[in-house]
C-alpha cells in the first residue's frame, strides 16, 4: 500500500510539472516528502540502494503522469480550464499547514518576512512577463544545446517550490514544442511504427531530459545547504513561492473561458477535492536519513 501511495504522489508531482503555473516542488511540499526526496537526490551515489528504493515509486508515478498528462491535460484544460486549475489550487492550499509546521520553532524575524515578500513577488513577476509566443524546434546541433540548457533551467524550477518549470517553458515559447508536441508525437510514433518521427522527437527530448537530470542534482545540493544553515528563512522563501502559486494560476484569463454556474460549482468541488487529496497524500513520512 505504501508503494502504491508513493506512486500516486509521484503522479501528482508529474502532473504538476506539465501544467504552466503549477510547481512540482510545491506538490512535494504539500505531501510532506520534500526533505526526503532532496536527501535521496543528494545521497543517490553514496547510499544508492536505499535512495533508489525510495525514489523508484515516485519516478514511476511521475513518468506515467507526464506521458498521460501530455494528452489528457490538454483536453481537460481545453474543455474544463477552471475546474482543472482549481484542483491544483486545492492541492497547493492543502500544503500550507505542512509548510507552517516545518517552520515551527525556527528563526524567522524580519528577514524571513522580507524573503517571503520578495519570493512571492518573484513568482508573480514571472507570470506578468509571460509571453504567448511559440518557438520552432528542428533537429540540429544548436537545438540540442538549447534543450540541454532549457532542461537544466526547468529542472531547477521543478524542484524549487512555487516556481513552475512549465511556466518558464511557456514564457520562452517552448512549452508547446516540448510538452504538447514532442512527447505525444514520440508516443504516437512508437505505437504507430513511425520511427522517423520517433528519432526526430527523441533528438529533442533526450538532451532536454539530460539537462533536467544535471540541473536537479545541482539545485538539490543547494537546497540541502540552505536547509542546514538557514532552515527557517528557506521555508519563508518556500512559503512565499507556494502562496504565490494560486495567484499566478488565477491570473491566467483563459481559465475563465465558458464560465457559468455549473462550471463555478465544479470549480468549488475540485478545489475541495484538491485540499482533501493533499491532506490524504501528505502526513508526516519518515525522513530518508532515518529510513
C-alpha atoms as a PDB file:
ATOM      1  CA  UNK A   1       0.000   0.000   0.000  1.00  0.00           C
ATOM      2  CA  UNK A   2       2.814   2.445   0.836  1.00  0.00           C
ATOM      3  CA  UNK A   3       4.470   1.778  -2.544  1.00  0.00           C
ATOM      4  CA  UNK A   4       1.151   2.421  -4.318  1.00  0.00           C
ATOM      5  CA  UNK A   5       0.610   5.671  -2.394  1.00  0.00           C
ATOM      6  CA  UNK A   6       4.119   6.797  -3.319  1.00  0.00           C
ATOM      7  CA  UNK A   7       3.319   6.093  -6.990  1.00  0.00           C
ATOM      8  CA  UNK A   8       0.215   8.288  -6.622  1.00  0.00           C
ATOM      9  CA  UNK A   9       2.318  11.024  -5.005  1.00  0.00           C
ATOM     10  CA  UNK A  10       4.749  10.787  -7.919  1.00  0.00           C
ATOM     11  CA  UNK A  11       1.836  11.072 -10.349  1.00  0.00           C
ATOM     12  CA  UNK A  12       0.674  14.296  -8.674  1.00  0.00           C
ATOM     13  CA  UNK A  13       4.218  15.708  -8.962  1.00  0.00           C
ATOM     14  CA  UNK A  14       4.426  14.637 -12.608  1.00  0.00           C
ATOM     15  CA  UNK A  15       1.104  16.263 -13.493  1.00  0.00           C
ATOM     16  CA  UNK A  16       2.132  19.461 -11.729  1.00  0.00           C
ATOM     17  CA  UNK A  17       5.330  19.618 -13.759  1.00  0.00           C
ATOM     18  CA  UNK A  18       3.475  19.698 -17.093  1.00  0.00           C
ATOM     19  CA  UNK A  19       0.976  22.393 -16.031  1.00  0.00           C
ATOM     20  CA  UNK A  20       2.107  26.008 -16.530  1.00  0.00           C
ATOM     21  CA  UNK A  21       1.869  27.862 -13.221  1.00  0.00           C
ATOM     22  CA  UNK A  22       1.945  24.755 -11.022  1.00  0.00           C
ATOM     23  CA  UNK A  23       5.200  23.609  -9.393  1.00  0.00           C
ATOM     24  CA  UNK A  24       6.269  20.020  -8.840  1.00  0.00           C
ATOM     25  CA  UNK A  25       8.266  21.239  -5.846  1.00  0.00           C
ATOM     26  CA  UNK A  26       5.064  22.663  -4.362  1.00  0.00           C
ATOM     27  CA  UNK A  27       3.409  19.263  -4.648  1.00  0.00           C
ATOM     28  CA  UNK A  28       6.397  17.644  -2.914  1.00  0.00           C
ATOM     29  CA  UNK A  29       5.989  20.071  -0.026  1.00  0.00           C
ATOM     30  CA  UNK A  30       2.210  19.578   0.042  1.00  0.00           C
ATOM     31  CA  UNK A  31       2.627  15.835   0.549  1.00  0.00           C
ATOM     32  CA  UNK A  32       5.333  16.149   3.200  1.00  0.00           C
ATOM     33  CA  UNK A  33       8.033  14.441   1.116  1.00  0.00           C
ATOM     34  CA  UNK A  34      10.174  17.399   0.051  1.00  0.00           C
ATOM     35  CA  UNK A  35      13.054  16.948   2.501  1.00  0.00           C
ATOM     36  CA  UNK A  36      13.104  13.192   1.894  1.00  0.00           C
ATOM     37  CA  UNK A  37      13.355  13.494  -1.886  1.00  0.00           C
ATOM     38  CA  UNK A  38      16.030  16.203  -1.682  1.00  0.00           C
ATOM     39  CA  UNK A  39      18.039  13.953   0.666  1.00  0.00           C
ATOM     40  CA  UNK A  40      17.757  10.984  -1.726  1.00  0.00           C
ATOM     41  CA  UNK A  41      18.842  13.038  -4.743  1.00  0.00           C
ATOM     42  CA  UNK A  42      21.909  14.336  -2.904  1.00  0.00           C
ATOM     43  CA  UNK A  43      22.896  10.923  -1.495  1.00  0.00           C
ATOM     44  CA  UNK A  44      21.960   8.781  -4.508  1.00  0.00           C
ATOM     45  CA  UNK A  45      25.518   7.627  -5.200  1.00  0.00           C
ATOM     46  CA  UNK A  46      26.668   7.240  -1.589  1.00  0.00           C
ATOM     47  CA  UNK A  47      23.526   5.414  -0.422  1.00  0.00           C
ATOM     48  CA  UNK A  48      22.386   4.080  -3.779  1.00  0.00           C
ATOM     49  CA  UNK A  49      20.312   1.057  -2.747  1.00  0.00           C
ATOM     50  CA  UNK A  50      18.321   2.887  -0.074  1.00  0.00           C
ATOM     51  CA  UNK A  51      17.791   6.043  -2.108  1.00  0.00           C
ATOM     52  CA  UNK A  52      16.770   4.285  -5.318  1.00  0.00           C
ATOM     53  CA  UNK A  53      14.237   2.158  -3.412  1.00  0.00           C
ATOM     54  CA  UNK A  54      12.703   5.367  -2.044  1.00  0.00           C
ATOM     55  CA  UNK A  55      12.786   7.265  -5.355  1.00  0.00           C
ATOM     56  CA  UNK A  56      11.591   4.447  -7.652  1.00  0.00           C
ATOM     57  CA  UNK A  57       7.815   4.588  -6.956  1.00  0.00           C
ATOM     58  CA  UNK A  58       7.830   8.381  -7.263  1.00  0.00           C
ATOM     59  CA  UNK A  59       9.677   8.136 -10.595  1.00  0.00           C
ATOM     60  CA  UNK A  60       7.213   5.529 -11.883  1.00  0.00           C
ATOM     61  CA  UNK A  61       4.269   7.745 -10.975  1.00  0.00           C
ATOM     62  CA  UNK A  62       5.897  10.846 -12.454  1.00  0.00           C
ATOM     63  CA  UNK A  63       6.765   9.150 -15.745  1.00  0.00           C
ATOM     64  CA  UNK A  64       3.253   7.720 -16.179  1.00  0.00           C
ATOM     65  CA  UNK A  65       1.605  11.044 -15.280  1.00  0.00           C
ATOM     66  CA  UNK A  66       3.802  13.064 -17.664  1.00  0.00           C
ATOM     67  CA  UNK A  67       3.041  10.712 -20.561  1.00  0.00           C
ATOM     68  CA  UNK A  68      -0.695  10.607 -19.840  1.00  0.00           C
ATOM     69  CA  UNK A  69      -0.859  14.238 -18.828  1.00  0.00           C
ATOM     70  CA  UNK A  70       0.609  15.407 -22.121  1.00  0.00           C
ATOM     71  CA  UNK A  71      -2.552  14.062 -23.770  1.00  0.00           C
ATOM     72  CA  UNK A  72      -5.243  14.250 -21.069  1.00  0.00           C
ATOM     73  CA  UNK A  73      -4.364  17.631 -19.596  1.00  0.00           C
ATOM     74  CA  UNK A  74      -4.535  19.271 -22.997  1.00  0.00           C
ATOM     75  CA  UNK A  75      -8.158  18.097 -23.295  1.00  0.00           C
ATOM     76  CA  UNK A  76      -9.002  18.948 -19.672  1.00  0.00           C
ATOM     77  CA  UNK A  77      -7.654  22.479 -19.957  1.00  0.00           C
ATOM     78  CA  UNK A  78      -9.372  22.970 -23.316  1.00  0.00           C
ATOM     79  CA  UNK A  79     -12.799  21.848 -22.059  1.00  0.00           C
ATOM     80  CA  UNK A  80     -12.769  22.496 -18.291  1.00  0.00           C
ATOM     81  CA  UNK A  81      -9.998  25.031 -17.611  1.00  0.00           C
ATOM     82  CA  UNK A  82     -11.316  26.490 -14.342  1.00  0.00           C
ATOM     83  CA  UNK A  83     -12.186  23.214 -12.511  1.00  0.00           C
ATOM     84  CA  UNK A  84      -8.885  21.684 -13.664  1.00  0.00           C
ATOM     85  CA  UNK A  85      -6.907  24.633 -12.315  1.00  0.00           C
ATOM     86  CA  UNK A  86      -8.844  24.822  -9.041  1.00  0.00           C
ATOM     87  CA  UNK A  87      -7.998  21.166  -8.427  1.00  0.00           C
ATOM     88  CA  UNK A  88      -4.335  22.116  -8.327  1.00  0.00           C
ATOM     89  CA  UNK A  89      -5.045  25.251  -6.320  1.00  0.00           C
ATOM     90  CA  UNK A  90      -6.648  22.931  -3.753  1.00  0.00           C
ATOM     91  CA  UNK A  91      -3.527  20.768  -3.727  1.00  0.00           C
ATOM     92  CA  UNK A  92      -1.413  23.874  -3.151  1.00  0.00           C
ATOM     93  CA  UNK A  93      -3.613  25.274  -0.379  1.00  0.00           C
ATOM     94  CA  UNK A  94      -3.609  21.878   1.277  1.00  0.00           C
ATOM     95  CA  UNK A  95       0.180  22.102   1.520  1.00  0.00           C
ATOM     96  CA  UNK A  96       0.266  25.252   3.649  1.00  0.00           C
ATOM     97  CA  UNK A  97      -0.223  23.501   7.043  1.00  0.00           C
ATOM     98  CA  UNK A  98       2.756  21.240   6.290  1.00  0.00           C
ATOM     99  CA  UNK A  99       4.995  24.209   5.495  1.00  0.00           C
ATOM    100  CA  UNK A 100       3.920  26.104   8.613  1.00  0.00           C
ATOM    101  CA  UNK A 101       4.617  23.003  10.693  1.00  0.00           C
ATOM    102  CA  UNK A 102       8.167  22.801   9.310  1.00  0.00           C
ATOM    103  CA  UNK A 103       8.705  26.463  10.225  1.00  0.00           C
ATOM    104  CA  UNK A 104       7.616  25.996  13.835  1.00  0.00           C
ATOM    105  CA  UNK A 105      10.403  26.847  16.254  1.00  0.00           C
ATOM    106  CA  UNK A 106      12.755  28.097  13.520  1.00  0.00           C
ATOM    107  CA  UNK A 107      14.374  31.542  13.471  1.00  0.00           C
ATOM    108  CA  UNK A 108      12.414  33.822  11.133  1.00  0.00           C
ATOM    109  CA  UNK A 109      12.439  37.506  12.234  1.00  0.00           C
ATOM    110  CA  UNK A 110      12.029  40.443   9.892  1.00  0.00           C
ATOM    111  CA  UNK A 111      14.465  38.847   7.471  1.00  0.00           C
ATOM    112  CA  UNK A 112      12.029  35.962   6.951  1.00  0.00           C
ATOM    113  CA  UNK A 113       9.212  38.402   6.206  1.00  0.00           C
ATOM    114  CA  UNK A 114      11.354  40.180   3.603  1.00  0.00           C
ATOM    115  CA  UNK A 115      12.311  36.865   1.981  1.00  0.00           C
ATOM    116  CA  UNK A 116       8.626  35.857   1.880  1.00  0.00           C
ATOM    117  CA  UNK A 117       7.600  39.101   0.147  1.00  0.00           C
ATOM    118  CA  UNK A 118      10.493  39.070  -2.335  1.00  0.00           C
ATOM    119  CA  UNK A 119       9.920  35.496  -3.484  1.00  0.00           C
ATOM    120  CA  UNK A 120       6.142  35.949  -3.608  1.00  0.00           C
ATOM    121  CA  UNK A 121       6.760  38.949  -5.890  1.00  0.00           C
ATOM    122  CA  UNK A 122       9.284  36.986  -7.980  1.00  0.00           C
ATOM    123  CA  UNK A 123       6.798  34.238  -8.835  1.00  0.00           C
ATOM    124  CA  UNK A 124       4.025  36.733  -9.675  1.00  0.00           C
ATOM    125  CA  UNK A 125       6.531  38.780 -11.694  1.00  0.00           C
ATOM    126  CA  UNK A 126       7.436  35.747 -13.812  1.00  0.00           C
ATOM    127  CA  UNK A 127       3.761  35.410 -14.686  1.00  0.00           C
ATOM    128  CA  UNK A 128       3.471  39.084 -15.589  1.00  0.00           C
ATOM    129  CA  UNK A 129       6.287  38.807 -18.156  1.00  0.00           C
ATOM    130  CA  UNK A 130       4.963  35.565 -19.619  1.00  0.00           C
ATOM    131  CA  UNK A 131       4.500  35.731 -23.379  1.00  0.00           C
ATOM    132  CA  UNK A 132       2.278  33.731 -25.714  1.00  0.00           C
ATOM    133  CA  UNK A 133       4.993  33.029 -28.261  1.00  0.00           C
ATOM    134  CA  UNK A 134       5.654  29.589 -29.696  1.00  0.00           C
ATOM    135  CA  UNK A 135       9.160  28.714 -30.868  1.00  0.00           C
ATOM    136  CA  UNK A 136      10.026  26.273 -33.644  1.00  0.00           C
ATOM    137  CA  UNK A 137      12.349  23.364 -32.986  1.00  0.00           C
ATOM    138  CA  UNK A 138      14.359  21.456 -35.554  1.00  0.00           C
ATOM    139  CA  UNK A 139      16.816  18.632 -35.024  1.00  0.00           C
ATOM    140  CA  UNK A 140      20.156  20.438 -35.138  1.00  0.00           C
ATOM    141  CA  UNK A 141      23.273  20.911 -33.014  1.00  0.00           C
ATOM    142  CA  UNK A 142      22.001  24.288 -31.846  1.00  0.00           C
ATOM    143  CA  UNK A 143      18.655  22.796 -30.779  1.00  0.00           C
ATOM    144  CA  UNK A 144      20.416  20.033 -28.834  1.00  0.00           C
ATOM    145  CA  UNK A 145      22.452  22.606 -26.871  1.00  0.00           C
ATOM    146  CA  UNK A 146      19.336  24.709 -26.328  1.00  0.00           C
ATOM    147  CA  UNK A 147      17.422  21.706 -24.977  1.00  0.00           C
ATOM    148  CA  UNK A 148      20.264  20.900 -22.551  1.00  0.00           C
ATOM    149  CA  UNK A 149      20.150  24.446 -21.158  1.00  0.00           C
ATOM    150  CA  UNK A 150      16.335  24.567 -21.041  1.00  0.00           C
ATOM    151  CA  UNK A 151      16.231  21.216 -19.257  1.00  0.00           C
ATOM    152  CA  UNK A 152      18.673  22.442 -16.588  1.00  0.00           C
ATOM    153  CA  UNK A 153      16.724  25.678 -16.054  1.00  0.00           C
ATOM    154  CA  UNK A 154      13.377  23.895 -15.868  1.00  0.00           C
ATOM    155  CA  UNK A 155      14.703  21.235 -13.505  1.00  0.00           C
ATOM    156  CA  UNK A 156      15.605  23.958 -11.021  1.00  0.00           C
ATOM    157  CA  UNK A 157      12.072  25.299 -11.299  1.00  0.00           C
ATOM    158  CA  UNK A 158      10.621  21.797 -10.908  1.00  0.00           C
ATOM    159  CA  UNK A 159      12.479  21.279  -7.616  1.00  0.00           C
ATOM    160  CA  UNK A 160      12.016  24.772  -6.153  1.00  0.00           C
ATOM    161  CA  UNK A 161       8.512  25.048  -4.660  1.00  0.00           C
ATOM    162  CA  UNK A 162       6.297  27.686  -6.235  1.00  0.00           C
ATOM    163  CA  UNK A 163       8.311  28.093  -9.437  1.00  0.00           C
ATOM    164  CA  UNK A 164       6.811  26.336 -12.454  1.00  0.00           C
ATOM    165  CA  UNK A 165       9.181  24.812 -14.995  1.00  0.00           C
ATOM    166  CA  UNK A 166       6.312  24.617 -17.471  1.00  0.00           C
ATOM    167  CA  UNK A 167       5.592  28.324 -16.992  1.00  0.00           C
ATOM    168  CA  UNK A 168       9.222  29.125 -17.792  1.00  0.00           C
ATOM    169  CA  UNK A 169       8.989  26.976 -20.926  1.00  0.00           C
ATOM    170  CA  UNK A 170       5.785  28.773 -21.894  1.00  0.00           C
ATOM    171  CA  UNK A 171       7.338  32.198 -21.284  1.00  0.00           C
ATOM    172  CA  UNK A 172      10.256  31.299 -23.562  1.00  0.00           C
ATOM    173  CA  UNK A 173       7.930  29.791 -26.181  1.00  0.00           C
ATOM    174  CA  UNK A 174       8.996  26.143 -25.807  1.00  0.00           C
ATOM    175  CA  UNK A 175       6.077  24.666 -23.847  1.00  0.00           C
ATOM    176  CA  UNK A 176       4.062  23.554 -26.889  1.00  0.00           C
ATOM    177  CA  UNK A 177       7.050  22.228 -28.900  1.00  0.00           C
ATOM    178  CA  UNK A 178       8.318  20.128 -25.974  1.00  0.00           C
ATOM    179  CA  UNK A 179       5.301  19.167 -23.833  1.00  0.00           C
ATOM    180  CA  UNK A 180       2.263  19.099 -26.123  1.00  0.00           C
ATOM    181  CA  UNK A 181       4.030  18.239 -29.401  1.00  0.00           C
ATOM    182  CA  UNK A 182       7.284  16.290 -28.959  1.00  0.00           C
ATOM    183  CA  UNK A 183       6.129  13.965 -26.149  1.00  0.00           C
ATOM    184  CA  UNK A 184       2.778  12.948 -27.754  1.00  0.00           C
ATOM    185  CA  UNK A 185       4.446  12.668 -31.183  1.00  0.00           C
ATOM    186  CA  UNK A 186       7.021  10.259 -29.760  1.00  0.00           C
ATOM    187  CA  UNK A 187       4.312   8.091 -28.202  1.00  0.00           C
ATOM    188  CA  UNK A 188       2.270   8.097 -31.432  1.00  0.00           C
ATOM    189  CA  UNK A 189       5.390   7.209 -33.413  1.00  0.00           C
ATOM    190  CA  UNK A 190       6.197   4.277 -31.128  1.00  0.00           C
ATOM    191  CA  UNK A 191       2.650   2.903 -31.248  1.00  0.00           C
ATOM    192  CA  UNK A 192       2.282   3.517 -34.992  1.00  0.00           C
ATOM    193  CA  UNK A 193       5.738   2.366 -36.063  1.00  0.00           C
ATOM    194  CA  UNK A 194       6.751   5.793 -37.409  1.00  0.00           C
ATOM    195  CA  UNK A 195      10.419   5.501 -36.487  1.00  0.00           C
ATOM    196  CA  UNK A 196      11.433   8.643 -38.350  1.00  0.00           C
ATOM    197  CA  UNK A 197       9.106  10.699 -36.130  1.00  0.00           C
ATOM    198  CA  UNK A 198      10.420   8.868 -33.057  1.00  0.00           C
ATOM    199  CA  UNK A 199      14.012   9.677 -33.936  1.00  0.00           C
ATOM    200  CA  UNK A 200      13.205  13.301 -34.725  1.00  0.00           C
ATOM    201  CA  UNK A 201      11.435  13.910 -31.422  1.00  0.00           C
ATOM    202  CA  UNK A 202      13.822  11.875 -29.258  1.00  0.00           C
ATOM    203  CA  UNK A 203      16.616  14.033 -30.644  1.00  0.00           C
ATOM    204  CA  UNK A 204      14.840  16.930 -28.924  1.00  0.00           C
ATOM    205  CA  UNK A 205      13.637  15.163 -25.774  1.00  0.00           C
ATOM    206  CA  UNK A 206      16.792  13.250 -24.784  1.00  0.00           C
ATOM    207  CA  UNK A 207      19.010  16.372 -24.431  1.00  0.00           C
ATOM    208  CA  UNK A 208      16.165  18.053 -22.549  1.00  0.00           C
ATOM    209  CA  UNK A 209      15.966  15.105 -20.122  1.00  0.00           C
ATOM    210  CA  UNK A 210      19.761  15.094 -19.662  1.00  0.00           C
ATOM    211  CA  UNK A 211      19.611  18.796 -18.797  1.00  0.00           C
ATOM    212  CA  UNK A 212      16.838  18.087 -16.275  1.00  0.00           C
ATOM    213  CA  UNK A 213      18.887  15.382 -14.529  1.00  0.00           C
ATOM    214  CA  UNK A 214      22.010  17.564 -14.308  1.00  0.00           C
ATOM    215  CA  UNK A 215      20.012  20.544 -13.062  1.00  0.00           C
ATOM    216  CA  UNK A 216      18.146  18.544 -10.429  1.00  0.00           C
ATOM    217  CA  UNK A 217      21.364  17.343  -8.791  1.00  0.00           C
ATOM    218  CA  UNK A 218      22.790  20.867  -8.763  1.00  0.00           C
ATOM    219  CA  UNK A 219      19.764  22.596  -7.246  1.00  0.00           C
ATOM    220  CA  UNK A 220      19.092  19.783  -4.766  1.00  0.00           C
ATOM    221  CA  UNK A 221      22.580  20.253  -3.285  1.00  0.00           C
ATOM    222  CA  UNK A 222      22.000  23.995  -2.945  1.00  0.00           C
ATOM    223  CA  UNK A 223      18.659  23.436  -1.200  1.00  0.00           C
ATOM    224  CA  UNK A 224      20.215  20.930   1.217  1.00  0.00           C
ATOM    225  CA  UNK A 225      22.845  23.504   2.196  1.00  0.00           C
ATOM    226  CA  UNK A 226      20.187  26.196   2.697  1.00  0.00           C
ATOM    227  CA  UNK A 227      18.064  23.839   4.806  1.00  0.00           C
ATOM    228  CA  UNK A 228      21.014  23.013   7.079  1.00  0.00           C
ATOM    229  CA  UNK A 229      22.174  26.596   7.621  1.00  0.00           C
ATOM    230  CA  UNK A 230      19.006  28.696   7.327  1.00  0.00           C
ATOM    231  CA  UNK A 231      16.026  26.349   7.524  1.00  0.00           C
ATOM    232  CA  UNK A 232      13.572  28.966   8.858  1.00  0.00           C
ATOM    233  CA  UNK A 233      14.459  31.561   6.221  1.00  0.00           C
ATOM    234  CA  UNK A 234      14.483  28.906   3.485  1.00  0.00           C
ATOM    235  CA  UNK A 235      10.966  27.858   4.415  1.00  0.00           C
ATOM    236  CA  UNK A 236       9.899  31.524   4.442  1.00  0.00           C
ATOM    237  CA  UNK A 237      11.001  31.677   0.818  1.00  0.00           C
ATOM    238  CA  UNK A 238       9.236  28.402   0.045  1.00  0.00           C
ATOM    239  CA  UNK A 239       6.066  29.685   1.714  1.00  0.00           C
ATOM    240  CA  UNK A 240       6.221  32.886  -0.349  1.00  0.00           C
ATOM    241  CA  UNK A 241       6.545  30.972  -3.619  1.00  0.00           C
ATOM    242  CA  UNK A 242       3.866  28.436  -2.700  1.00  0.00           C
ATOM    243  CA  UNK A 243       1.442  31.188  -1.613  1.00  0.00           C
ATOM    244  CA  UNK A 244       2.013  32.950  -4.947  1.00  0.00           C
ATOM    245  CA  UNK A 245       1.157  29.855  -6.993  1.00  0.00           C
ATOM    246  CA  UNK A 246      -2.672  30.124  -6.693  1.00  0.00           C
ATOM    247  CA  UNK A 247      -2.425  33.827  -7.543  1.00  0.00           C
ATOM    248  CA  UNK A 248      -0.424  33.009 -10.667  1.00  0.00           C
ATOM    249  CA  UNK A 249      -2.932  30.366 -11.746  1.00  0.00           C
ATOM    250  CA  UNK A 250      -5.894  32.715 -11.262  1.00  0.00           C
ATOM    251  CA  UNK A 251      -4.102  35.439 -13.263  1.00  0.00           C
ATOM    252  CA  UNK A 252      -4.496  33.363 -16.437  1.00  0.00           C
ATOM    253  CA  UNK A 253      -7.500  34.831 -18.354  1.00  0.00           C
ATOM    254  CA  UNK A 254      -8.098  31.664 -20.379  1.00  0.00           C
ATOM    255  CA  UNK A 255      -9.206  29.647 -17.352  1.00  0.00           C
ATOM    256  CA  UNK A 256     -12.433  31.669 -17.216  1.00  0.00           C
ATOM    257  CA  UNK A 257     -13.477  30.827 -20.794  1.00  0.00           C
ATOM    258  CA  UNK A 258     -17.031  29.468 -20.948  1.00  0.00           C
ATOM    259  CA  UNK A 259     -17.737  30.229 -17.287  1.00  0.00           C
ATOM    260  CA  UNK A 260     -21.246  29.531 -15.987  1.00  0.00           C
ATOM    261  CA  UNK A 261     -22.916  28.494 -12.732  1.00  0.00           C
ATOM    262  CA  UNK A 262     -22.181  24.795 -13.223  1.00  0.00           C
ATOM    263  CA  UNK A 263     -18.544  25.473 -14.023  1.00  0.00           C
ATOM    264  CA  UNK A 264     -18.382  27.511 -10.801  1.00  0.00           C
ATOM    265  CA  UNK A 265     -19.879  24.636  -8.806  1.00  0.00           C
ATOM    266  CA  UNK A 266     -17.455  22.180 -10.404  1.00  0.00           C
ATOM    267  CA  UNK A 267     -14.557  24.504  -9.545  1.00  0.00           C
ATOM    268  CA  UNK A 268     -15.592  24.578  -5.872  1.00  0.00           C
ATOM    269  CA  UNK A 269     -15.859  20.773  -5.859  1.00  0.00           C
ATOM    270  CA  UNK A 270     -12.424  20.259  -7.437  1.00  0.00           C
ATOM    271  CA  UNK A 271     -10.926  22.848  -5.064  1.00  0.00           C
ATOM    272  CA  UNK A 272     -12.233  20.876  -2.087  1.00  0.00           C
ATOM    273  CA  UNK A 273     -11.074  17.630  -3.696  1.00  0.00           C
ATOM    274  CA  UNK A 274      -7.570  19.029  -4.130  1.00  0.00           C
ATOM    275  CA  UNK A 275      -7.380  20.057  -0.472  1.00  0.00           C
ATOM    276  CA  UNK A 276      -8.630  16.601   0.564  1.00  0.00           C
ATOM    277  CA  UNK A 277      -6.116  14.800  -1.650  1.00  0.00           C
ATOM    278  CA  UNK A 278      -3.272  16.960  -0.314  1.00  0.00           C
ATOM    279  CA  UNK A 279      -4.248  16.124   3.262  1.00  0.00           C
ATOM    280  CA  UNK A 280      -4.524  12.391   2.480  1.00  0.00           C
ATOM    281  CA  UNK A 281      -1.317  12.103   0.485  1.00  0.00           C
ATOM    282  CA  UNK A 282       0.520  14.339   2.924  1.00  0.00           C
ATOM    283  CA  UNK A 283       1.173  13.462   6.508  1.00  0.00           C
ATOM    284  CA  UNK A 284       4.491  13.002   8.245  1.00  0.00           C
ATOM    285  CA  UNK A 285       6.565  10.427   6.353  1.00  0.00           C
ATOM    286  CA  UNK A 286       9.820   9.268   7.911  1.00  0.00           C
ATOM    287  CA  UNK A 287      12.835  11.247   6.663  1.00  0.00           C
ATOM    288  CA  UNK A 288      15.060   9.382   4.218  1.00  0.00           C
ATOM    289  CA  UNK A 289      18.053   9.802   6.528  1.00  0.00           C
ATOM    290  CA  UNK A 290      16.236   7.657   9.102  1.00  0.00           C
ATOM    291  CA  UNK A 291      14.580   5.241   6.683  1.00  0.00           C
END
